[in-house]
Amino acid sequence: MKSMQKPNFESNEAGFTILEVAIASVISTVSLVFLASLFTLGIAQNRMVKQYTTATKLAQQQLELLNAVERTDLRLAIGGGLNTTGDPFKPNYNDTVFVDPETGIVTPVIPQGATPIYDRYWKIEADTQLTTSYIISVRVVARQPAVGRAAEEVTLTTARSW
């Protein structure tokens, strides 16, 4: 009678499973780090877009206000500038506003330690072609730009005729 031998199930690939786990761990770690950086980038982009949107809204509000007043109103006097060094710069051609992040209410009263603060500048010019028209420009600048970026700002211009 022949003696029965045990089959040899041992393999030369004993460490292969550990290598697979190590590679999968590295791929997962790199993917998670990349995903976390995308979240950080998304939050920063969201803040920047929110400030641009708010600046645009504030500029539109000022343009609407200046378009709604009578043409003899002193707020439509030619002058102003689009920054603090405008020529001629007049105090009644700019303001600083606070936008409450919870309610969206715009107010000139700025709470202590508040961050959503914007400076608005506007300029009224006589149209060189039409004597019955003004060119109104409004520039809004956020005071708290995103880290490492220039301040978010918007400039809108319109013509008003009568």
Protein backbone atom coordinates (compact mmCIF):
# COMPACT_ATOMS: atom_id res chain seq x y z
CA MET A 1 0.00 0.00 0.00
CA LYS A 2 1.04 3.43 -0.78
CA SER A 3 1.33 5.91 1.99
CA MET A 4 -0.78 9.01 1.68
CA GLN A 5 1.06 12.26 1.66
CA LYS A 6 -0.45 15.49 2.82
CA PRO A 7 -0.92 18.04 0.07
CA ASN A 8 1.37 21.09 0.36
CA PHE A 9 -0.83 24.20 0.67
CA GLU A 10 1.91 26.53 1.73
CA SER A 11 2.48 29.37 -0.70
CA ASN A 12 5.36 31.59 -1.58
CA GLU A 13 2.93 34.56 -1.47
CA ALA A 14 2.49 34.79 2.28
CA GLY A 15 3.35 38.54 2.42
CA PHE A 16 1.33 39.54 -0.63
CA THR A 17 -1.84 40.29 1.37
CA ILE A 18 0.06 42.64 3.70
CA LEU A 19 1.48 44.47 0.67
CA GLU A 20 -2.01 44.89 -0.76
CA VAL A 21 -3.28 46.31 2.54
CA ALA A 22 -0.34 48.74 2.71
CA ILE A 23 -0.94 50.01 -0.84
CA ALA A 24 -4.69 50.35 -0.21
CA SER A 25 -3.94 52.31 2.99
CA VAL A 26 -1.63 54.70 1.16
CA ILE A 27 -4.19 55.26 -1.61
CA SER A 28 -6.95 55.85 0.96
CA THR A 29 -4.82 58.28 2.95
CA VAL A 30 -3.87 60.30 -0.14
CA SER A 31 -7.52 60.37 -1.23
CA LEU A 32 -8.69 61.57 2.19
CA VAL A 33 -6.04 64.31 2.32
CA PHE A 34 -7.08 65.45 -1.17
CA LEU A 35 -10.75 65.41 -0.17
CA ALA A 36 -10.03 67.44 2.98
CA SER A 37 -8.16 70.05 0.93
CA LEU A 38 -11.15 70.27 -1.42
CA PHE A 39 -13.43 71.00 1.54
CA THR A 40 -11.08 73.76 2.69
CA LEU A 41 -10.95 75.22 -0.80
CA GLY A 42 -14.74 75.02 -1.07
CA ILE A 43 -15.21 76.93 2.18
CA ALA A 44 -12.81 79.67 1.05
CA GLN A 45 -14.49 79.95 -2.36
CA ASN A 46 -17.90 80.10 -0.70
CA ARG A 47 -16.78 83.03 1.47
CA MET A 48 -15.31 84.86 -1.50
CA VAL A 49 -18.44 84.37 -3.64
CA LYS A 50 -20.63 85.50 -0.74
CA GLN A 51 -18.60 88.72 -0.42
CA TYR A 52 -18.78 89.39 -4.17
CA THR A 53 -22.53 88.80 -4.12
CA THR A 54 -23.00 91.09 -1.13
CA ALA A 55 -20.80 93.80 -2.71
CA THR A 56 -22.85 93.60 -5.91
CA LYS A 57 -26.10 93.86 -3.94
CA LEU A 58 -24.83 96.92 -2.05
CA ALA A 59 -23.73 98.61 -5.29
CA GLN A 60 -27.12 97.90 -6.89
CA GLN A 61 -28.94 99.31 -3.86
CA GLN A 62 -26.96 102.56 -4.07
CA LEU A 63 -27.56 102.84 -7.82
CA GLU A 64 -31.29 102.30 -7.29
CA LEU A 65 -31.34 104.93 -4.56
CA LEU A 66 -29.58 107.47 -6.77
CA ASN A 67 -31.86 106.65 -9.71
CA ALA A 68 -34.98 107.09 -7.55
CA VAL A 69 -34.30 110.62 -6.27
CA GLU A 70 -35.46 113.77 -8.06
CA ARG A 71 -32.93 115.25 -10.44
CA THR A 72 -32.77 118.42 -8.34
CA ASP A 73 -31.83 116.44 -5.22
CA LEU A 74 -28.39 117.36 -3.84
CA ARG A 75 -27.41 113.67 -3.79
CA LEU A 76 -27.18 113.94 -7.59
CA ALA A 77 -24.70 116.82 -7.49
CA ILE A 78 -21.75 116.19 -9.79
CA GLY A 79 -18.72 115.03 -7.84
CA GLY A 80 -17.42 112.19 -5.72
CA GLY A 81 -14.93 109.51 -6.51
CA LEU A 82 -14.57 105.75 -6.51
CA ASN A 83 -11.97 105.59 -3.73
CA THR A 84 -10.74 107.59 -0.76
CA THR A 85 -8.36 109.58 -2.93
CA GLY A 86 -10.95 110.46 -5.57
CA ASP A 87 -10.77 113.92 -7.13
CA PRO A 88 -12.75 115.69 -5.84
CA PHE A 89 -13.45 113.51 -2.79
CA LYS A 90 -16.45 114.59 -0.77
CA PRO A 91 -17.60 112.88 2.44
CA ASN A 92 -21.21 112.64 1.23
CA TYR A 93 -20.13 110.44 -1.71
CA ASN A 94 -19.16 107.44 0.39
CA ASP A 95 -20.32 105.38 3.33
CA THR A 96 -19.38 102.33 5.34
CA VAL A 97 -22.01 99.67 5.92
CA PHE A 98 -22.41 96.52 7.96
CA VAL A 99 -24.36 93.55 6.65
CA ASP A 100 -25.74 91.29 9.36
CA PRO A 101 -24.83 87.74 8.28
CA GLU A 102 -27.90 86.26 10.00
CA THR A 103 -30.61 88.61 8.75
CA GLY A 104 -28.98 90.29 5.74
CA ILE A 105 -29.96 93.72 7.08
CA VAL A 106 -27.72 96.54 5.86
CA THR A 107 -26.96 99.23 8.42
CA PRO A 108 -24.40 102.03 8.87
CA VAL A 109 -24.10 101.03 12.56
CA ILE A 110 -21.11 98.70 12.87
CA PRO A 111 -21.13 96.42 15.92
CA GLN A 112 -17.91 95.90 17.89
CA GLY A 113 -15.84 93.06 16.38
CA ALA A 114 -18.08 92.75 13.31
CA THR A 115 -16.62 91.36 10.10
CA PRO A 116 -19.08 91.87 7.19
CA ILE A 117 -18.09 95.51 6.64
CA TYR A 118 -18.06 97.16 3.22
CA ASP A 119 -17.00 100.60 2.00
CA ARG A 120 -19.11 102.21 -0.74
CA TYR A 121 -17.95 105.04 -2.99
CA TRP A 122 -19.91 106.72 -5.75
CA LYS A 123 -19.32 109.30 -8.41
CA ILE A 124 -21.78 111.45 -10.38
CA GLU A 125 -20.52 112.76 -13.73
CA ALA A 126 -22.13 114.84 -16.44
CA ASP A 127 -22.50 112.97 -19.71
CA THR A 128 -20.25 114.56 -22.34
CA GLN A 129 -22.66 113.72 -25.18
CA LEU A 130 -26.08 114.40 -23.64
CA THR A 131 -26.87 117.42 -21.49
CA THR A 132 -29.84 115.67 -19.87
CA SER A 133 -27.89 112.67 -18.59
CA TYR A 134 -25.63 111.77 -15.70
CA ILE A 135 -23.27 108.84 -15.42
CA ILE A 136 -23.45 107.24 -11.98
CA SER A 137 -20.75 104.83 -10.80
CA VAL A 138 -20.70 102.92 -7.52
CA ARG A 139 -17.77 100.92 -6.15
CA VAL A 140 -18.07 98.59 -3.14
CA VAL A 141 -15.03 97.09 -1.39
CA ALA A 142 -15.05 94.39 1.31
CA ARG A 143 -12.84 95.24 4.27
CA GLN A 144 -12.08 91.62 5.16
CA PRO A 145 -10.68 89.92 2.05
CA ALA A 146 -10.04 86.21 1.97
CA VAL A 147 -6.62 85.23 3.34
CA GLY A 148 -3.90 85.88 0.78
CA ARG A 149 -6.25 87.63 -1.66
CA ALA A 150 -7.04 91.17 -2.67
CA ALA A 151 -10.22 92.66 -1.23
CA GLU A 152 -13.36 91.64 -3.08
CA GLU A 153 -14.76 94.66 -4.91
CA VAL A 154 -17.43 95.50 -7.44
CA THR A 155 -17.93 98.59 -9.60
CA LEU A 156 -21.24 99.23 -11.34
CA THR A 157 -22.03 102.10 -13.70
CA THR A 158 -25.31 103.35 -15.15
CA ALA A 159 -26.61 106.37 -17.01
CA ARG A 160 -29.56 108.40 -15.78
CA SER A 161 -31.52 110.55 -18.17
CA TRP A 162 -34.54 112.81 -17.81
